[in-house]
N, C-alpha and C. Protein backbone atom coordinates (compact mmCIF):
# COMPACT_ATOMS: atom_id res chain seq x y z
N MET A 1 0.25 -22.93 3.09
CA MET A 1 0.10 -21.45 3.60
C MET A 1 -0.73 -20.33 2.81
N GLY A 2 -1.75 -19.70 3.79
CA GLY A 2 -1.94 -18.71 2.75
C GLY A 2 -1.08 -17.67 1.88
N LYS A 3 -2.00 -16.56 1.41
CA LYS A 3 -1.07 -15.61 0.51
C LYS A 3 -1.59 -14.63 0.34
N LEU A 4 -0.71 -13.56 1.24
CA LEU A 4 -1.36 -11.76 0.53
C LEU A 4 -1.26 -11.03 -0.09
N ILE A 5 -0.56 -11.43 -1.28
CA ILE A 5 -0.20 -10.51 -2.48
C ILE A 5 -0.72 -8.71 -2.32
N LEU A 6 0.52 -8.14 -1.40
CA LEU A 6 -0.07 -7.01 -1.04
C LEU A 6 0.68 -5.49 -2.64
N VAL A 7 -0.26 -5.16 -2.83
CA VAL A 7 -0.35 -4.09 -4.50
C VAL A 7 0.06 -2.86 -3.98
N ARG A 8 0.60 -1.98 -4.43
CA ARG A 8 0.55 -0.44 -4.29
C ARG A 8 0.20 0.08 -6.35
N HIS A 9 -1.48 0.48 -5.53
CA HIS A 9 -2.13 2.12 -6.83
C HIS A 9 -0.44 2.25 -7.76
N GLY A 10 -0.89 2.13 -9.08
CA GLY A 10 -0.64 2.44 -9.77
C GLY A 10 -0.59 4.11 -9.66
N GLU A 11 0.41 4.87 -10.77
CA GLU A 11 0.83 6.28 -10.14
C GLU A 11 -0.47 6.58 -10.58
N SER A 12 -0.48 7.84 -9.78
CA SER A 12 -1.07 9.72 -9.67
C SER A 12 -0.79 10.48 -9.73
N VAL A 13 -1.55 11.66 -10.40
CA VAL A 13 -1.20 12.82 -10.23
C VAL A 13 0.18 13.26 -9.32
N GLY A 14 -0.14 13.20 -8.14
CA GLY A 14 0.36 13.28 -6.78
C GLY A 14 1.64 13.20 -7.40
N ASN A 15 1.25 11.05 -7.41
CA ASN A 15 2.86 10.76 -7.49
C ASN A 15 3.56 11.41 -8.49
N ARG A 16 3.22 12.06 -9.96
CA ARG A 16 4.10 12.46 -10.90
C ARG A 16 4.75 13.44 -10.68
N GLU A 17 4.30 14.77 -9.93
CA GLU A 17 3.86 16.20 -9.16
C GLU A 17 4.73 15.69 -7.97
N LYS A 18 4.47 15.01 -7.13
CA LYS A 18 5.02 14.80 -6.15
C LYS A 18 5.41 16.05 -4.74
N ILE A 19 3.81 15.54 -5.07
CA ILE A 19 3.61 16.65 -4.14
C ILE A 19 1.71 15.60 -2.98
N PHE A 20 1.83 15.94 -1.37
CA PHE A 20 0.74 15.80 -1.22
C PHE A 20 -0.19 16.41 -1.53
N THR A 21 -1.04 15.32 -2.04
CA THR A 21 -2.38 16.40 -3.49
C THR A 21 -3.66 17.39 -1.27
N THR A 22 -4.12 17.66 -1.56
CA THR A 22 -5.17 17.90 -1.75
C THR A 22 -6.95 17.33 -1.80
N THR A 23 -5.89 16.47 -2.50
CA THR A 23 -7.91 16.33 -2.49
C THR A 23 -7.30 14.21 -2.43
N PRO A 24 -6.44 13.86 -1.25
CA PRO A 24 -5.86 12.04 -1.52
C PRO A 24 -7.77 11.57 -1.92
N VAL A 25 -8.71 11.51 -1.84
CA VAL A 25 -9.65 10.32 -1.71
C VAL A 25 -10.29 10.20 -3.07
N GLU A 26 -10.27 11.29 -4.02
CA GLU A 26 -10.85 11.45 -5.19
C GLU A 26 -9.30 11.05 -6.33
N LEU A 27 -8.26 11.27 -5.50
CA LEU A 27 -7.22 12.09 -6.49
C LEU A 27 -6.29 10.37 -7.72
N ALA A 28 -6.59 10.51 -9.28
CA ALA A 28 -7.38 9.29 -9.74
C ALA A 28 -5.87 8.82 -9.96
N LEU A 29 -5.70 7.97 -11.03
CA LEU A 29 -4.28 7.76 -11.42
C LEU A 29 -3.76 8.28 -12.87
N THR A 30 -2.87 7.94 -13.53
CA THR A 30 -2.18 8.41 -14.87
C THR A 30 -1.64 7.31 -15.64
N ASP A 31 -2.57 8.34 -16.82
CA ASP A 31 -2.50 6.99 -18.15
C ASP A 31 -1.59 5.56 -17.68
N ILE A 32 -0.19 6.59 -17.33
CA ILE A 32 0.72 5.22 -16.74
C ILE A 32 0.67 5.19 -15.50
N GLY A 33 -0.34 5.16 -14.07
CA GLY A 33 -0.56 4.19 -14.14
C GLY A 33 -1.62 3.04 -13.95
N ARG A 34 -2.93 3.00 -15.09
CA ARG A 34 -3.55 2.06 -15.22
C ARG A 34 -2.83 1.36 -16.10
N GLU A 35 -2.05 1.76 -17.19
CA GLU A 35 -1.05 0.93 -17.36
C GLU A 35 0.40 -0.01 -16.66
N GLN A 36 0.71 0.46 -15.50
CA GLN A 36 0.96 -0.51 -14.34
C GLN A 36 0.22 -1.41 -13.67
N ALA A 37 -1.11 -0.84 -13.43
CA ALA A 37 -1.90 -2.07 -13.28
C ALA A 37 -2.72 -2.93 -13.82
N ARG A 38 -2.07 -2.43 -15.13
CA ARG A 38 -2.68 -4.02 -16.21
C ARG A 38 -1.04 -4.95 -16.70
N GLN A 39 0.59 -4.25 -16.32
CA GLN A 39 1.25 -5.14 -15.77
C GLN A 39 1.08 -6.06 -14.22
N ALA A 40 0.07 -5.87 -12.75
CA ALA A 40 0.72 -6.36 -12.09
C ALA A 40 -0.54 -7.37 -12.61
N ALA A 41 -1.80 -7.12 -12.85
CA ALA A 41 -2.51 -7.93 -13.31
C ALA A 41 -1.91 -9.20 -13.80
N ALA A 42 -0.99 -8.99 -14.63
CA ALA A 42 -0.60 -9.81 -16.31
C ALA A 42 0.87 -10.90 -14.49
N ARG A 43 1.02 -10.26 -14.50
CA ARG A 43 2.32 -11.12 -13.20
C ARG A 43 1.35 -11.21 -12.47
N ILE A 44 0.39 -11.45 -11.40
CA ILE A 44 -0.54 -11.51 -11.09
C ILE A 44 -0.76 -12.89 -11.22
N SER A 45 -1.08 -12.92 -13.12
CA SER A 45 -2.43 -13.40 -13.23
C SER A 45 -1.11 -15.05 -13.68
N SER A 46 0.71 -14.21 -13.54
CA SER A 46 1.36 -15.49 -13.68
C SER A 46 1.23 -16.59 -13.64
N GLU A 47 1.84 -15.92 -12.20
CA GLU A 47 2.36 -16.68 -10.94
C GLU A 47 1.36 -16.36 -9.53
N PHE A 48 0.26 -15.98 -9.41
CA PHE A 48 -0.54 -16.62 -8.52
C PHE A 48 -1.82 -17.58 -8.57
N GLN A 49 -2.65 -17.64 -8.23
CA GLN A 49 -4.27 -17.78 -7.73
C GLN A 49 -5.04 -17.63 -7.05
N PRO A 50 -5.32 -15.85 -6.89
CA PRO A 50 -5.83 -15.31 -6.20
C PRO A 50 -7.71 -16.33 -5.82
N LYS A 51 -8.63 -15.29 -5.17
CA LYS A 51 -10.42 -15.65 -5.41
C LYS A 51 -10.30 -14.62 -4.93
N LEU A 52 -9.13 -13.17 -4.87
CA LEU A 52 -10.38 -11.97 -3.83
C LEU A 52 -9.31 -10.85 -4.16
N VAL A 53 -10.03 -10.24 -4.87
CA VAL A 53 -9.05 -8.62 -4.23
C VAL A 53 -9.94 -7.51 -4.04
N VAL A 54 -9.08 -7.04 -2.55
CA VAL A 54 -9.74 -6.82 -2.36
C VAL A 54 -8.72 -5.24 -1.64
N THR A 55 -9.05 -4.09 -1.57
CA THR A 55 -8.63 -2.37 -2.48
C THR A 55 -9.20 -1.07 -1.10
N SER A 56 -8.79 -0.20 -0.41
CA SER A 56 -9.20 0.74 -0.74
C SER A 56 -9.68 1.29 -1.04
N SER A 57 -10.41 2.16 -0.38
CA SER A 57 -11.10 2.76 -1.29
C SER A 57 -11.19 4.67 -1.58
N TYR A 58 -9.54 4.77 -1.54
CA TYR A 58 -9.16 6.00 -1.97
C TYR A 58 -9.18 5.60 -4.29
N LEU A 59 -9.66 6.17 -5.47
CA LEU A 59 -10.07 6.52 -6.21
C LEU A 59 -8.48 5.54 -6.53
N ARG A 60 -7.30 5.94 -6.58
CA ARG A 60 -6.61 5.61 -7.19
C ARG A 60 -5.78 4.57 -6.86
N ALA A 61 -7.01 3.65 -5.67
CA ALA A 61 -6.25 2.31 -5.32
C ALA A 61 -7.37 1.46 -5.48
N LYS A 62 -8.56 2.36 -6.00
CA LYS A 62 -10.04 1.75 -6.07
C LYS A 62 -9.83 0.82 -7.58
N HIS A 63 -9.26 2.27 -8.70
CA HIS A 63 -9.38 1.68 -9.67
C HIS A 63 -7.55 1.22 -9.87
N THR A 64 -7.18 1.02 -9.53
CA THR A 64 -5.87 -0.51 -9.62
C THR A 64 -6.32 -1.63 -9.21
N GLY A 65 -7.56 -1.92 -8.53
CA GLY A 65 -8.06 -3.11 -7.74
C GLY A 65 -8.98 -3.67 -8.41
N GLU A 66 -9.58 -2.22 -9.39
CA GLU A 66 -11.08 -2.64 -10.28
C GLU A 66 -10.59 -3.39 -11.34
N ILE A 67 -9.53 -1.71 -11.70
CA ILE A 67 -8.46 -2.89 -13.20
C ILE A 67 -7.90 -4.68 -12.89
N ILE A 68 -7.57 -4.63 -11.83
CA ILE A 68 -6.92 -5.79 -11.24
C ILE A 68 -7.70 -7.44 -11.48
N ALA A 69 -8.44 -7.09 -10.40
CA ALA A 69 -9.84 -8.05 -10.75
C ALA A 69 -10.74 -7.85 -11.72
N LYS A 70 -11.30 -7.01 -12.36
CA LYS A 70 -11.63 -7.86 -13.76
C LYS A 70 -10.46 -8.48 -15.06
N ALA A 71 -9.16 -8.60 -14.44
CA ALA A 71 -8.72 -8.80 -15.82
C ALA A 71 -8.27 -9.80 -15.04
N LEU A 72 -8.54 -10.36 -14.30
CA LEU A 72 -8.61 -11.35 -13.46
C LEU A 72 -9.43 -12.29 -13.07
N GLY A 73 -11.04 -11.63 -12.97
CA GLY A 73 -12.33 -12.05 -13.41
C GLY A 73 -12.65 -12.57 -12.20
N LEU A 74 -11.90 -11.84 -10.37
CA LEU A 74 -12.39 -11.66 -9.13
C LEU A 74 -13.55 -10.82 -8.84
N PRO A 75 -13.60 -11.52 -7.69
CA PRO A 75 -14.87 -9.98 -6.46
C PRO A 75 -13.89 -9.16 -6.38
N LEU A 76 -14.37 -7.81 -6.43
CA LEU A 76 -13.93 -7.13 -5.47
C LEU A 76 -14.86 -6.87 -3.85
N GLU A 77 -13.33 -5.52 -3.53
CA GLU A 77 -14.50 -6.07 -1.52
C GLU A 77 -13.14 -4.65 -2.11
N VAL A 78 -14.72 -3.03 -1.26
CA VAL A 78 -13.43 -2.46 -0.55
C VAL A 78 -13.24 -2.14 0.82
N GLU A 79 -12.69 -1.77 0.53
CA GLU A 79 -12.50 -1.89 2.85
C GLU A 79 -11.79 -0.65 3.51
N HIS A 80 -12.70 0.63 3.66
CA HIS A 80 -11.86 1.98 3.98
C HIS A 80 -10.71 1.88 5.26
N ALA A 81 -10.91 0.80 6.31
CA ALA A 81 -8.74 1.23 7.05
C ALA A 81 -8.13 1.18 6.02
N LEU A 82 -7.80 1.12 4.81
CA LEU A 82 -6.91 0.46 4.42
C LEU A 82 -6.87 1.39 3.53
N HIS A 83 -6.98 2.88 3.42
CA HIS A 83 -6.90 4.64 2.19
C HIS A 83 -4.69 5.03 3.45
N GLU A 84 -4.17 5.22 2.46
CA GLU A 84 -3.46 6.48 2.42
C GLU A 84 -3.25 6.86 4.45
N ARG A 85 -2.70 7.42 4.65
CA ARG A 85 -2.46 7.92 5.74
C ARG A 85 -2.50 9.79 5.96
N LEU A 86 -2.98 9.96 6.65
CA LEU A 86 -3.80 11.38 6.37
C LEU A 86 -2.13 12.08 6.97
N ILE A 87 -2.27 13.11 6.04
CA ILE A 87 -0.69 13.85 6.44
C ILE A 87 -1.40 15.47 6.65
N GLY A 88 -3.05 15.41 7.38
CA GLY A 88 -2.61 16.28 7.71
C GLY A 88 -2.36 18.18 7.25
N GLN A 89 -1.42 19.30 7.80
CA GLN A 89 -1.21 20.32 7.38
C GLN A 89 0.05 20.30 5.96
N PHE A 90 -0.26 19.30 5.94
CA PHE A 90 1.09 19.00 4.86
C PHE A 90 0.61 18.57 3.16
N MET A 91 -0.93 19.00 3.50
CA MET A 91 -1.74 18.78 1.88
C MET A 91 -1.04 19.38 1.31
N GLY A 92 -0.88 19.20 0.04
CA GLY A 92 -1.25 20.53 -0.39
C GLY A 92 0.87 20.39 -1.21
N LYS A 93 1.21 20.55 0.31
CA LYS A 93 2.98 20.54 -0.15
C LYS A 93 4.45 19.22 -0.73
N PRO A 94 4.96 20.08 -1.17
CA PRO A 94 5.86 18.35 -1.49
C PRO A 94 6.02 17.33 -1.00
N TYR A 95 6.79 16.11 -1.51
CA TYR A 95 6.77 15.91 -0.44
C TYR A 95 8.52 16.19 0.54
N GLU A 96 9.58 16.38 0.28
CA GLU A 96 10.15 16.74 0.86
C GLU A 96 10.25 18.01 2.03
N ALA A 97 9.30 18.25 1.37
CA ALA A 97 8.13 19.69 3.00
C ALA A 97 8.72 18.76 4.59
N VAL A 98 9.00 17.63 4.53
CA VAL A 98 8.51 16.06 4.66
C VAL A 98 10.13 16.58 6.46
N MET A 99 10.54 15.89 5.23
CA MET A 99 12.34 16.73 6.07
C MET A 99 12.69 17.56 6.78
N GLU A 100 12.04 19.06 6.39
CA GLU A 100 12.45 19.70 7.28
C GLU A 100 11.33 20.36 8.57
N ALA A 101 10.55 19.43 8.58
CA ALA A 101 9.41 19.78 9.91
C ALA A 101 10.07 19.31 10.97
N PRO A 102 9.32 20.38 11.92
CA PRO A 102 9.94 20.96 13.49
C PRO A 102 9.68 18.92 14.23
N GLY A 103 11.01 18.36 14.51
CA GLY A 103 10.77 17.48 15.20
C GLY A 103 10.61 15.81 14.06
N TYR A 104 10.58 16.30 12.78
CA TYR A 104 10.67 14.73 11.88
C TYR A 104 12.04 13.97 12.63
N ASP A 105 12.33 12.96 12.46
CA ASP A 105 13.82 12.22 13.15
C ASP A 105 13.87 11.69 11.32
N PRO A 106 15.21 11.65 10.45
CA PRO A 106 14.48 10.56 9.15
C PRO A 106 15.21 9.04 9.78
N GLU A 107 15.87 8.99 10.82
CA GLU A 107 16.13 8.18 11.37
C GLU A 107 14.88 6.65 11.86
N ARG A 108 13.86 7.43 12.71
CA ARG A 108 12.60 7.27 13.15
C ARG A 108 11.73 8.08 12.98
N PRO A 109 11.79 7.78 10.99
CA PRO A 109 10.68 8.19 9.89
C PRO A 109 9.32 8.37 10.68
N TRP A 110 8.73 6.75 11.43
CA TRP A 110 7.30 6.25 12.31
C TRP A 110 7.00 6.90 12.49
N LEU A 111 7.92 7.31 13.43
CA LEU A 111 7.34 8.09 14.96
C LEU A 111 6.66 9.27 14.65
N TRP A 112 7.04 10.28 13.02
CA TRP A 112 6.74 11.46 13.15
C TRP A 112 5.18 11.87 12.59
N LYS A 113 4.75 12.11 13.56
CA LYS A 113 2.76 12.93 13.27
C LYS A 113 2.27 14.36 12.47
N PRO A 114 2.26 14.39 10.91
CA PRO A 114 2.32 15.89 11.22
C PRO A 114 1.05 16.25 11.31
N PRO A 115 1.28 17.63 12.00
CA PRO A 115 -0.07 18.53 12.79
C PRO A 115 -0.78 17.85 11.97
N GLY A 116 -2.67 17.19 12.65
CA GLY A 116 -3.74 17.40 12.05
C GLY A 116 -3.87 15.33 11.67
N GLY A 117 -2.84 14.95 11.12
CA GLY A 117 -2.62 13.67 9.86
C GLY A 117 -2.39 12.68 11.12
N GLU A 118 -1.16 11.96 10.70
CA GLU A 118 -1.48 10.56 11.26
C GLU A 118 -0.12 9.86 11.32
N SER A 119 0.99 9.58 12.64
CA SER A 119 1.92 8.97 12.26
C SER A 119 1.87 7.55 10.86
N PHE A 120 3.04 6.67 11.15
CA PHE A 120 2.85 6.31 10.76
C PHE A 120 3.10 4.25 11.52
N GLU A 121 3.05 5.06 12.54
CA GLU A 121 2.80 4.35 13.69
C GLU A 121 1.51 4.41 13.72
N ASP A 122 0.12 4.87 13.41
CA ASP A 122 -1.41 5.39 13.86
C ASP A 122 -1.04 4.49 12.81
N VAL A 123 -1.01 4.23 11.11
CA VAL A 123 -1.39 4.11 10.33
C VAL A 123 -1.38 2.33 10.87
N ARG A 124 -0.13 2.48 11.37
CA ARG A 124 0.04 0.31 11.22
C ARG A 124 -1.25 -0.12 13.01
N MET A 125 -1.33 1.00 13.27
CA MET A 125 -2.14 0.09 14.63
C MET A 125 -3.27 0.34 13.81
N ARG A 126 -3.92 0.65 11.92
CA ARG A 126 -5.34 0.85 12.31
C ARG A 126 -5.45 -0.14 11.44
N VAL A 127 -4.40 -0.29 10.13
CA VAL A 127 -4.08 -1.36 9.11
C VAL A 127 -3.84 -3.24 9.53
N GLY A 128 -3.39 -2.91 10.94
CA GLY A 128 -2.72 -4.83 10.98
C GLY A 128 -4.19 -5.66 11.71
N PRO A 129 -4.61 -4.70 12.07
CA PRO A 129 -6.21 -5.80 12.00
C PRO A 129 -6.18 -6.19 10.90
N ILE A 130 -6.56 -5.34 9.48
CA ILE A 130 -7.42 -5.71 8.76
C ILE A 130 -6.40 -6.93 8.41
N LEU A 131 -5.20 -6.51 8.21
CA LEU A 131 -4.45 -8.19 7.45
C LEU A 131 -4.31 -9.09 8.31
N ASP A 132 -4.78 -9.43 9.78
CA ASP A 132 -4.59 -10.02 10.59
C ASP A 132 -6.57 -10.57 10.11
N LYS A 133 -6.91 -9.97 9.87
CA LYS A 133 -8.63 -10.49 9.61
C LYS A 133 -8.95 -10.93 7.90
N LEU A 134 -7.86 -11.25 7.97
CA LEU A 134 -8.21 -10.45 5.78
C LEU A 134 -7.39 -12.23 6.13
N ALA A 135 -5.97 -12.71 6.90
CA ALA A 135 -5.53 -13.84 6.24
C ALA A 135 -6.05 -14.89 7.74
N SER A 136 -6.77 -14.27 9.21
CA SER A 136 -7.08 -15.42 9.20
C SER A 136 -8.41 -15.99 8.09
N ALA A 137 -9.68 -14.70 7.75
CA ALA A 137 -10.66 -15.56 7.86
C ALA A 137 -9.95 -16.20 5.89
N TYR A 138 -9.09 -15.75 5.75
CA TYR A 138 -8.49 -16.87 3.85
C TYR A 138 -8.44 -18.12 4.60
N GLY A 139 -7.38 -17.75 5.54
CA GLY A 139 -6.22 -19.38 5.58
C GLY A 139 -5.76 -19.78 4.37
N GLU A 140 -5.48 -20.79 3.75
CA GLU A 140 -4.66 -20.67 2.86
C GLU A 140 -4.98 -20.88 1.93
N SER A 141 -6.06 -19.72 1.45
CA SER A 141 -6.09 -18.31 -0.36
C SER A 141 -4.97 -18.05 -0.70
N GLU A 142 -5.12 -17.08 -1.55
CA GLU A 142 -4.56 -16.13 -2.53
C GLU A 142 -5.04 -14.91 -2.60
N ILE A 143 -5.09 -13.86 -1.66
CA ILE A 143 -5.90 -12.69 -1.72
C ILE A 143 -4.92 -11.37 -2.50
N VAL A 144 -5.72 -10.07 -3.71
CA VAL A 144 -4.71 -9.43 -3.69
C VAL A 144 -5.77 -8.29 -2.90
N VAL A 145 -4.57 -7.46 -1.92
CA VAL A 145 -4.82 -6.01 -1.55
C VAL A 145 -4.05 -5.62 -1.56
N VAL A 146 -4.92 -3.92 -2.41
CA VAL A 146 -4.54 -3.35 -3.28
C VAL A 146 -4.58 -1.95 -1.85
N SER A 147 -2.90 -1.24 -1.67
CA SER A 147 -3.22 0.07 -1.10
C SER A 147 -2.17 1.18 -1.42
N HIS A 148 -1.21 2.15 -1.15
CA HIS A 148 -0.61 3.01 -1.02
C HIS A 148 1.04 2.33 -0.44
N GLY A 149 1.56 3.20 -0.87
CA GLY A 149 3.03 3.30 -0.19
C GLY A 149 2.78 2.97 1.33
N GLY A 150 2.58 4.04 2.24
CA GLY A 150 2.07 4.24 3.31
C GLY A 150 2.06 3.49 4.69
N VAL A 151 0.40 3.01 3.27
CA VAL A 151 0.17 1.44 3.61
C VAL A 151 0.71 0.19 4.06
N MET A 152 1.48 -0.02 3.25
CA MET A 152 2.60 -1.39 3.25
C MET A 152 3.89 -1.27 3.78
N MET A 153 4.15 0.15 3.93
CA MET A 153 5.74 0.45 4.42
C MET A 153 4.74 -0.88 6.01
N ALA A 154 3.38 -0.10 6.81
CA ALA A 154 3.41 -0.35 7.57
C ALA A 154 2.79 -1.91 7.86
N MET A 155 2.30 -1.61 7.26
CA MET A 155 2.53 -4.23 6.30
C MET A 155 3.50 -4.09 6.97
N TRP A 156 4.65 -4.13 6.01
CA TRP A 156 5.51 -4.68 6.32
C TRP A 156 5.97 -4.82 8.23
N ALA A 157 5.83 -3.35 8.53
CA ALA A 157 6.33 -3.10 9.88
C ALA A 157 5.62 -4.22 11.04
N HIS A 158 3.77 -4.27 10.67
CA HIS A 158 2.70 -5.24 10.94
C HIS A 158 3.53 -7.17 11.53
N VAL A 159 3.83 -7.47 10.00
CA VAL A 159 3.97 -8.58 10.17
C VAL A 159 5.85 -9.01 10.30
N THR A 160 6.26 -7.95 10.71
CA THR A 160 7.48 -8.79 10.84
C THR A 160 7.92 -8.01 12.09
N GLY A 161 7.29 -7.59 12.71
CA GLY A 161 6.99 -7.23 13.87
C GLY A 161 8.83 -5.93 14.37
N SER A 162 9.05 -5.48 13.81
CA SER A 162 9.72 -3.94 13.00
C SER A 162 9.43 -3.28 12.02
N TRP A 163 10.20 -2.03 12.28
CA TRP A 163 9.88 -0.87 11.16
C TRP A 163 11.32 -0.53 10.85
N GLU A 164 12.18 -1.04 11.24
CA GLU A 164 13.58 -1.58 10.35
C GLU A 164 13.51 -2.39 9.66
N GLY A 165 14.08 -1.58 8.15
CA GLY A 165 14.08 -2.21 6.89
C GLY A 165 12.63 -2.34 6.14
N ALA A 166 11.70 -1.56 6.99
CA ALA A 166 10.60 -1.95 6.26
C ALA A 166 11.05 -0.73 4.64
N TYR A 167 9.56 -1.61 3.58
CA TYR A 167 9.71 -1.33 2.24
C TYR A 167 9.21 -0.46 1.81
N VAL A 168 8.96 0.81 0.73
CA VAL A 168 7.79 1.57 0.21
C VAL A 168 8.53 0.87 -1.23
N PRO A 169 7.23 0.10 -2.16
CA PRO A 169 7.91 -0.35 -3.18
C PRO A 169 7.39 0.94 -4.02
N PRO A 170 7.78 0.96 -5.49
CA PRO A 170 7.36 1.24 -7.21
C PRO A 170 5.54 1.45 -7.12
N ASN A 171 5.42 2.38 -7.65
CA ASN A 171 3.29 2.09 -8.13
C ASN A 171 3.15 0.86 -9.25
N CYS A 172 2.74 0.62 -8.47
CA CYS A 172 2.52 -1.20 -9.20
C CYS A 172 2.90 -2.09 -8.26
N GLY A 173 4.26 -1.64 -7.04
CA GLY A 173 4.72 -3.24 -7.60
C GLY A 173 3.65 -4.31 -5.84
N ILE A 174 4.77 -5.32 -6.08
CA ILE A 174 4.55 -6.33 -5.22
C ILE A 174 5.21 -7.10 -4.02
N LEU A 175 4.60 -6.91 -2.97
CA LEU A 175 4.80 -7.51 -2.06
C LEU A 175 4.40 -8.75 -1.65
N LEU A 176 4.61 -9.61 -1.63
CA LEU A 176 4.14 -10.45 -0.86
C LEU A 176 4.83 -11.61 0.87
N VAL A 177 2.90 -12.06 1.37
CA VAL A 177 3.71 -12.24 2.49
C VAL A 177 2.50 -13.96 2.73
N GLU A 178 3.58 -14.68 3.17
CA GLU A 178 3.19 -16.08 3.28
C GLU A 178 2.74 -15.94 4.96
N HIS A 179 1.77 -17.24 5.04
CA HIS A 179 1.75 -17.40 6.26
C HIS A 179 -0.07 -18.18 7.41
N ARG A 180 0.54 -19.43 8.10
CA ARG A 180 -0.04 -20.19 9.27
C ARG A 180 -0.43 -18.51 10.21
N PHE A 181 -2.05 -18.36 9.67
CA PHE A 181 -2.06 -17.07 11.02
C PHE A 181 -2.37 -18.15 11.97
N PRO A 182 -1.79 -17.41 13.53
CA PRO A 182 -0.84 -15.57 12.69
C PRO A 182 0.60 -15.18 12.97
N ARG A 183 1.30 -16.63 12.14
CA ARG A 183 2.99 -16.29 12.08
C ARG A 183 2.68 -16.08 10.46
N TYR A 184 3.46 -14.81 10.93
CA TYR A 184 3.59 -14.54 9.10
C TYR A 184 4.64 -14.89 8.93
N GLU A 185 5.08 -15.10 7.19
CA GLU A 185 6.92 -15.31 7.07
C GLU A 185 6.80 -13.48 7.03
N ARG A 186 8.82 -13.36 6.14
CA ARG A 186 9.01 -12.28 5.84
C ARG A 186 8.70 -11.24 4.66
N PRO A 187 8.79 -10.49 3.87
CA PRO A 187 7.25 -10.68 3.19
C PRO A 187 9.18 -10.17 2.18
N ARG A 188 8.16 -10.62 0.88
CA ARG A 188 9.29 -10.44 -0.24
C ARG A 188 8.70 -10.24 -1.88
N VAL A 189 9.21 -8.87 -1.93
CA VAL A 189 9.14 -7.76 -3.27
C VAL A 189 9.65 -8.90 -4.56
N ILE A 190 8.32 -8.37 -5.69
CA ILE A 190 8.41 -9.89 -6.92
C ILE A 190 8.38 -8.91 -7.63
N GLY A 191 8.98 -9.39 -8.39
CA GLY A 191 9.25 -9.51 -10.22
C GLY A 191 9.86 -8.25 -9.82
N SER A 192 10.53 -6.82 -9.05
CA SER A 192 11.13 -6.18 -9.84
C SER A 192 12.30 -5.72 -8.49
N GLU A 193 13.74 -5.34 -8.88
CA GLU A 193 13.99 -4.47 -7.58
C GLU A 193 13.91 -3.81 -6.79
N ARG A 194 14.27 -3.93 -5.69
CA ARG A 194 14.07 -2.88 -4.47
C ARG A 194 14.43 -1.59 -5.05
N GLY A 195 13.36 -0.45 -5.64
CA GLY A 195 13.77 0.67 -5.81
C GLY A 195 13.42 1.30 -4.76
N ASP A 196 12.98 1.32 -3.83
CA ASP A 196 13.07 1.89 -2.77
C ASP A 196 12.94 4.10 -3.00
N GLU A 197 11.13 4.44 -2.99
CA GLU A 197 10.57 5.58 -2.72
C GLU A 197 10.77 6.09 -1.44
N SER A 198 10.59 7.07 -1.51
CA SER A 198 11.10 7.58 0.04
C SER A 198 8.70 7.78 0.73
N PRO A 199 9.30 6.89 1.79
CA PRO A 199 7.92 6.32 2.67
C PRO A 199 6.93 7.28 2.80
N ILE A 200 6.65 8.58 2.21
CA ILE A 200 5.57 9.49 2.34
C ILE A 200 5.91 10.07 1.10
N SER A 201 5.06 9.00 0.44
CA SER A 201 4.67 8.80 -0.99
C SER A 201 3.52 8.41 -1.77
N GLY A 202 2.97 8.60 -0.57
CA GLY A 202 1.12 7.86 -1.13
C GLY A 202 0.96 6.53 -1.82
């Protein structure tokens, strides 16, 4: 079976301060985030044999991907459409501000769309075809895909066909999706307990 090794980026300043940054593209890793990326690389090296790292173009994910790719001696490709959810008018606000937003339903958060931004369902429609493309193109190979919390939740929904139970890993948390494309297995959490964070945390 092919394996998609999905990795959330390491801790960023926005994660540390729990705010939606006003500079989502340029937001960098913290020192903790860089160490998390090195630890993720070590775990991937011990458990898998990937041939490629694909990463979001946003700096916090790209730097995570670069650390992993360098540690494993792998080529790195940037996939721009793997970027995090666009949060629109909530940029600069704390994560919890979403809970008070008009129309936000905590039982179905994937449907809420911030003004000027994307719903999680929009993200699923954007990133699902990328996951399909990678699974189809690399067949039985193992591929590392570095992205964001909201993107990984959308990928979970894409491969399972349901938002129920969609999981947001901690920074540099790893999900494994095995597949015989177009059939996906249910994602598995690798290496840690399920420490769900808010699915809005980047």
